[in-house]
Amino acid sequence: QVQLVESGGGLVQPGGSLRLSCAASGFTFSCYRMSWYRQAPGKERELVATIVSNGGSTNYADSVKGRFTISRDNAKNTVYLQMDSLKPEDTAVYYCSAVTPGYWGQGAQVTVSS
């Protein structure tokens, strides 16, 4: 059974940091590119960051470039999203995904507010 389980969301003040984790099981995690998406209320889901299967290359949305860092640990079947210098507009539900096979997590709420 394929599972992607996000954790690490919460409430943080503007300028703060959070680290999201996504633990994968039920498929060969190390073979797949992994991505983080987010969806804010009333908005479409948007791609935030992507990392290739061996972790050697990453890509980011312009809105988070320089503030967010995606990484992975294939030995732990886990992908991470380090979020620094958070802004209120980063408030959203964050999802991890192995896009090619169509696997999605249940989402983690991130709220940036004073």
N, C-alpha and C. Protein backbone atom coordinates (compact mmCIF):
# COMPACT_ATOMS: atom_id res chain seq x y z
N GLN A 1 0.83 -1.20 0.00
CA GLN A 1 0.00 0.00 0.00
C GLN A 1 0.87 1.25 0.00
N VAL A 2 0.66 2.10 -0.99
CA VAL A 2 1.44 3.32 -1.10
C VAL A 2 0.96 4.35 -0.07
N GLN A 3 1.93 4.94 0.63
CA GLN A 3 1.60 6.00 1.57
C GLN A 3 2.64 7.11 1.48
N LEU A 4 2.16 8.34 1.54
CA LEU A 4 3.00 9.53 1.71
C LEU A 4 2.40 10.29 2.88
N VAL A 5 3.18 10.45 3.94
CA VAL A 5 2.66 11.05 5.16
C VAL A 5 3.48 12.28 5.50
N GLU A 6 2.83 13.45 5.38
CA GLU A 6 3.51 14.71 5.71
C GLU A 6 3.41 15.00 7.20
N SER A 7 4.42 15.69 7.70
CA SER A 7 4.42 16.14 9.09
C SER A 7 5.25 17.41 9.19
N GLY A 8 5.08 18.13 10.30
CA GLY A 8 5.90 19.31 10.56
C GLY A 8 5.21 20.63 10.30
N GLY A 9 3.96 20.59 9.87
CA GLY A 9 3.23 21.84 9.66
C GLY A 9 2.86 22.49 10.98
N GLY A 10 2.29 23.70 10.88
CA GLY A 10 1.87 24.39 12.08
C GLY A 10 1.73 25.88 11.87
N LEU A 11 1.66 26.59 12.98
CA LEU A 11 1.53 28.05 12.98
C LEU A 11 2.88 28.67 13.30
N VAL A 12 3.29 29.63 12.49
CA VAL A 12 4.57 30.30 12.69
C VAL A 12 4.41 31.77 12.38
N GLN A 13 5.21 32.60 13.06
CA GLN A 13 5.16 34.03 12.80
C GLN A 13 5.91 34.39 11.53
N PRO A 14 5.55 35.48 10.89
CA PRO A 14 6.31 35.94 9.72
C PRO A 14 7.79 36.05 10.05
N GLY A 15 8.61 35.58 9.11
CA GLY A 15 10.05 35.56 9.32
C GLY A 15 10.56 34.29 9.96
N GLY A 16 9.65 33.45 10.42
CA GLY A 16 10.04 32.21 11.06
C GLY A 16 10.33 31.08 10.08
N SER A 17 10.59 29.90 10.66
CA SER A 17 10.95 28.73 9.86
C SER A 17 10.13 27.52 10.26
N LEU A 18 9.95 26.64 9.31
CA LEU A 18 9.35 25.33 9.54
C LEU A 18 10.04 24.33 8.63
N ARG A 19 10.05 23.08 9.07
CA ARG A 19 10.58 22.00 8.24
C ARG A 19 9.51 20.93 8.08
N LEU A 20 9.07 20.73 6.84
CA LEU A 20 8.12 19.67 6.54
C LEU A 20 8.88 18.39 6.19
N SER A 21 8.32 17.27 6.61
CA SER A 21 8.84 15.97 6.24
C SER A 21 7.73 15.18 5.56
N CYS A 22 8.13 14.29 4.67
CA CYS A 22 7.18 13.41 3.99
C CYS A 22 7.79 12.02 3.94
N ALA A 23 7.20 11.11 4.70
CA ALA A 23 7.68 9.73 4.77
C ALA A 23 6.93 8.88 3.77
N ALA A 24 7.67 8.19 2.92
CA ALA A 24 7.08 7.39 1.85
C ALA A 24 7.20 5.91 2.16
N SER A 25 6.23 5.14 1.70
CA SER A 25 6.27 3.70 1.83
C SER A 25 5.41 3.08 0.74
N GLY A 26 5.70 1.81 0.43
CA GLY A 26 4.88 1.07 -0.52
C GLY A 26 5.31 1.20 -1.97
N PHE A 27 6.39 1.95 -2.23
CA PHE A 27 6.92 2.03 -3.58
C PHE A 27 8.42 2.32 -3.48
N THR A 28 9.11 2.19 -4.60
CA THR A 28 10.56 2.37 -4.61
C THR A 28 10.88 3.85 -4.67
N PHE A 29 10.92 4.46 -3.48
CA PHE A 29 11.07 5.90 -3.33
C PHE A 29 12.27 6.44 -4.10
N SER A 30 13.38 5.73 -4.04
CA SER A 30 14.63 6.25 -4.61
C SER A 30 14.61 6.34 -6.13
N CYS A 31 13.59 5.77 -6.76
CA CYS A 31 13.50 5.80 -8.22
C CYS A 31 12.77 7.01 -8.76
N TYR A 32 12.12 7.76 -7.88
CA TYR A 32 11.21 8.79 -8.37
C TYR A 32 11.60 10.20 -7.97
N ARG A 33 11.37 11.12 -8.91
CA ARG A 33 11.40 12.53 -8.62
C ARG A 33 10.27 12.85 -7.64
N MET A 34 10.56 13.68 -6.66
CA MET A 34 9.57 14.06 -5.66
C MET A 34 9.35 15.57 -5.69
N SER A 35 8.13 15.98 -5.40
CA SER A 35 7.78 17.39 -5.42
C SER A 35 6.96 17.78 -4.20
N TRP A 36 7.03 19.03 -3.87
CA TRP A 36 6.13 19.65 -2.90
C TRP A 36 5.24 20.63 -3.67
N TYR A 37 3.95 20.55 -3.38
CA TYR A 37 2.96 21.48 -3.92
C TYR A 37 2.30 22.18 -2.73
N ARG A 38 1.59 23.26 -3.03
CA ARG A 38 0.78 23.89 -1.98
C ARG A 38 -0.49 24.43 -2.59
N GLN A 39 -1.50 24.55 -1.74
CA GLN A 39 -2.77 25.10 -2.17
C GLN A 39 -3.32 26.01 -1.08
N ALA A 40 -3.43 27.27 -1.42
CA ALA A 40 -4.00 28.25 -0.51
C ALA A 40 -5.51 28.33 -0.72
N PRO A 41 -6.25 28.79 0.28
CA PRO A 41 -7.71 28.88 0.14
C PRO A 41 -8.11 29.70 -1.07
N GLY A 42 -8.99 29.14 -1.90
CA GLY A 42 -9.48 29.85 -3.08
C GLY A 42 -8.53 29.91 -4.25
N LYS A 43 -7.40 29.23 -4.13
CA LYS A 43 -6.40 29.27 -5.20
C LYS A 43 -6.13 27.86 -5.73
N GLU A 44 -5.55 27.80 -6.91
CA GLU A 44 -5.18 26.51 -7.49
C GLU A 44 -3.92 25.97 -6.82
N ARG A 45 -3.78 24.66 -6.88
CA ARG A 45 -2.58 24.03 -6.35
C ARG A 45 -1.39 24.45 -7.22
N GLU A 46 -0.29 24.79 -6.56
CA GLU A 46 0.89 25.23 -7.31
C GLU A 46 2.12 24.41 -6.90
N LEU A 47 3.01 24.23 -7.87
CA LEU A 47 4.25 23.52 -7.62
C LEU A 47 5.21 24.43 -6.86
N VAL A 48 5.77 23.92 -5.78
CA VAL A 48 6.69 24.70 -4.94
C VAL A 48 8.14 24.31 -5.23
N ALA A 49 8.42 23.02 -5.22
CA ALA A 49 9.81 22.57 -5.39
C ALA A 49 9.83 21.12 -5.86
N THR A 50 10.89 20.76 -6.58
CA THR A 50 11.07 19.41 -7.09
C THR A 50 12.51 18.99 -6.89
N ILE A 51 12.70 17.69 -6.61
CA ILE A 51 14.04 17.14 -6.48
C ILE A 51 14.08 15.83 -7.26
N VAL A 52 15.16 15.63 -8.01
CA VAL A 52 15.28 14.42 -8.81
C VAL A 52 15.57 13.21 -7.91
N SER A 53 15.54 12.02 -8.48
CA SER A 53 15.57 10.80 -7.69
C SER A 53 16.83 10.66 -6.83
N ASN A 54 17.98 11.09 -7.35
CA ASN A 54 19.22 10.95 -6.57
C ASN A 54 19.57 12.21 -5.78
N GLY A 55 18.69 13.20 -5.80
CA GLY A 55 18.91 14.43 -5.06
C GLY A 55 19.88 15.39 -5.71
N GLY A 56 20.33 15.09 -6.92
CA GLY A 56 21.38 15.89 -7.54
C GLY A 56 20.92 17.17 -8.18
N SER A 57 19.62 17.37 -8.32
CA SER A 57 19.11 18.57 -8.95
C SER A 57 17.78 18.96 -8.32
N THR A 58 17.60 20.26 -8.16
CA THR A 58 16.37 20.77 -7.57
C THR A 58 15.86 21.95 -8.39
N ASN A 59 14.57 22.21 -8.28
CA ASN A 59 13.96 23.37 -8.91
C ASN A 59 12.93 23.96 -7.96
N TYR A 60 12.76 25.29 -8.06
CA TYR A 60 11.86 25.99 -7.15
C TYR A 60 10.98 26.98 -7.90
N ALA A 61 9.81 27.21 -7.35
CA ALA A 61 8.98 28.31 -7.83
C ALA A 61 9.68 29.62 -7.50
N ASP A 62 9.48 30.60 -8.36
CA ASP A 62 10.13 31.90 -8.13
C ASP A 62 9.72 32.49 -6.79
N SER A 63 8.52 32.21 -6.36
CA SER A 63 8.00 32.81 -5.12
C SER A 63 8.71 32.30 -3.87
N VAL A 64 9.40 31.16 -3.97
CA VAL A 64 10.05 30.60 -2.78
C VAL A 64 11.56 30.48 -2.95
N LYS A 65 12.06 30.79 -4.13
CA LYS A 65 13.49 30.64 -4.41
C LYS A 65 14.31 31.48 -3.43
N GLY A 66 15.32 30.85 -2.85
CA GLY A 66 16.16 31.53 -1.88
C GLY A 66 15.66 31.44 -0.45
N ARG A 67 14.42 30.97 -0.27
CA ARG A 67 13.86 30.85 1.08
C ARG A 67 13.57 29.40 1.46
N PHE A 68 13.21 28.59 0.48
CA PHE A 68 12.86 27.19 0.72
C PHE A 68 13.96 26.29 0.16
N THR A 69 14.15 25.14 0.81
CA THR A 69 15.11 24.15 0.35
C THR A 69 14.49 22.76 0.40
N ILE A 70 14.48 22.08 -0.75
CA ILE A 70 14.00 20.70 -0.80
C ILE A 70 15.19 19.77 -0.72
N SER A 71 15.03 18.67 0.00
CA SER A 71 16.09 17.68 0.11
C SER A 71 15.43 16.32 0.31
N ARG A 72 16.24 15.28 0.22
CA ARG A 72 15.71 13.93 0.41
C ARG A 72 16.76 13.04 1.03
N ASP A 73 16.29 12.00 1.71
CA ASP A 73 17.15 10.97 2.27
C ASP A 73 16.59 9.65 1.77
N ASN A 74 17.21 9.08 0.75
CA ASN A 74 16.68 7.86 0.16
C ASN A 74 16.83 6.66 1.11
N ALA A 75 17.76 6.72 2.03
CA ALA A 75 17.89 5.64 3.01
C ALA A 75 16.71 5.63 3.98
N LYS A 76 16.10 6.80 4.18
CA LYS A 76 14.96 6.91 5.09
C LYS A 76 13.63 7.05 4.34
N ASN A 77 13.68 7.01 3.01
CA ASN A 77 12.47 7.17 2.20
C ASN A 77 11.69 8.43 2.58
N THR A 78 12.43 9.51 2.73
CA THR A 78 11.83 10.75 3.21
C THR A 78 12.30 11.94 2.37
N VAL A 79 11.36 12.84 2.08
CA VAL A 79 11.68 14.10 1.42
C VAL A 79 11.31 15.23 2.38
N TYR A 80 12.11 16.28 2.34
CA TYR A 80 11.95 17.39 3.27
C TYR A 80 11.74 18.71 2.53
N LEU A 81 11.12 19.65 3.21
CA LEU A 81 11.03 21.02 2.71
C LEU A 81 11.35 21.96 3.87
N GLN A 82 12.54 22.54 3.83
CA GLN A 82 12.93 23.54 4.82
C GLN A 82 12.43 24.89 4.35
N MET A 83 11.64 25.53 5.18
CA MET A 83 11.02 26.81 4.81
C MET A 83 11.51 27.88 5.77
N ASP A 84 12.24 28.85 5.26
CA ASP A 84 12.78 29.94 6.05
C ASP A 84 12.18 31.27 5.58
N SER A 85 12.32 32.28 6.40
CA SER A 85 11.81 33.62 6.07
C SER A 85 10.37 33.56 5.59
N LEU A 86 9.57 32.85 6.34
CA LEU A 86 8.18 32.63 5.92
C LEU A 86 7.38 33.93 5.91
N LYS A 87 6.47 33.99 4.95
CA LYS A 87 5.61 35.15 4.75
C LYS A 87 4.15 34.72 4.89
N PRO A 88 3.26 35.66 5.21
CA PRO A 88 1.84 35.30 5.29
C PRO A 88 1.32 34.65 4.01
N GLU A 89 1.85 35.05 2.87
CA GLU A 89 1.39 34.47 1.60
C GLU A 89 1.87 33.04 1.38
N ASP A 90 2.69 32.52 2.28
CA ASP A 90 3.07 31.12 2.23
C ASP A 90 2.03 30.22 2.90
N THR A 91 1.05 30.82 3.53
CA THR A 91 -0.01 30.05 4.19
C THR A 91 -0.75 29.19 3.17
N ALA A 92 -0.79 27.89 3.43
CA ALA A 92 -1.40 26.95 2.49
C ALA A 92 -1.35 25.55 3.10
N VAL A 93 -2.03 24.63 2.43
CA VAL A 93 -1.84 23.21 2.71
C VAL A 93 -0.74 22.73 1.77
N TYR A 94 0.28 22.10 2.34
CA TYR A 94 1.43 21.62 1.58
C TYR A 94 1.33 20.11 1.38
N TYR A 95 1.53 19.69 0.13
CA TYR A 95 1.42 18.28 -0.23
C TYR A 95 2.74 17.79 -0.81
N CYS A 96 3.16 16.60 -0.44
CA CYS A 96 4.26 15.98 -1.16
C CYS A 96 3.69 15.01 -2.19
N SER A 97 4.46 14.80 -3.23
CA SER A 97 3.96 13.99 -4.33
C SER A 97 5.10 13.31 -5.09
N ALA A 98 4.84 12.07 -5.45
CA ALA A 98 5.63 11.40 -6.49
C ALA A 98 4.75 11.53 -7.72
N VAL A 99 4.98 12.58 -8.49
CA VAL A 99 4.02 13.00 -9.52
C VAL A 99 3.86 11.96 -10.61
N THR A 100 4.95 11.37 -11.05
CA THR A 100 4.86 10.46 -12.20
C THR A 100 3.95 9.27 -11.95
N PRO A 101 4.06 8.61 -10.80
CA PRO A 101 3.10 7.54 -10.57
C PRO A 101 1.77 8.03 -9.99
N GLY A 102 1.69 9.33 -9.69
CA GLY A 102 0.43 9.88 -9.19
C GLY A 102 0.16 9.63 -7.73
N TYR A 103 1.22 9.63 -6.91
CA TYR A 103 1.04 9.42 -5.48
C TYR A 103 1.06 10.78 -4.77
N TRP A 104 0.12 10.96 -3.83
CA TRP A 104 -0.01 12.21 -3.10
C TRP A 104 -0.20 11.94 -1.62
N GLY A 105 0.33 12.82 -0.80
CA GLY A 105 0.07 12.77 0.62
C GLY A 105 -1.23 13.46 0.95
N GLN A 106 -1.54 13.45 2.26
CA GLN A 106 -2.83 14.01 2.69
C GLN A 106 -2.75 15.52 2.94
N GLY A 107 -1.54 16.04 3.00
CA GLY A 107 -1.36 17.47 3.19
C GLY A 107 -1.03 17.86 4.61
N ALA A 108 -0.30 18.96 4.75
CA ALA A 108 0.05 19.52 6.06
C ALA A 108 -0.23 21.02 6.01
N GLN A 109 -0.96 21.50 7.00
CA GLN A 109 -1.31 22.92 7.04
C GLN A 109 -0.14 23.74 7.55
N VAL A 110 0.18 24.79 6.82
CA VAL A 110 1.17 25.77 7.26
C VAL A 110 0.48 27.12 7.30
N THR A 111 0.51 27.75 8.47
CA THR A 111 -0.11 29.05 8.65
C THR A 111 0.95 30.03 9.14
N VAL A 112 1.11 31.12 8.40
CA VAL A 112 2.08 32.14 8.76
C VAL A 112 1.29 33.39 9.16
N SER A 113 1.35 33.70 10.44
CA SER A 113 0.54 34.80 10.95
C SER A 113 1.11 35.30 12.26
N SER A 114 0.96 36.59 12.50
CA SER A 114 1.38 37.16 13.78
C SER A 114 0.21 37.21 14.75
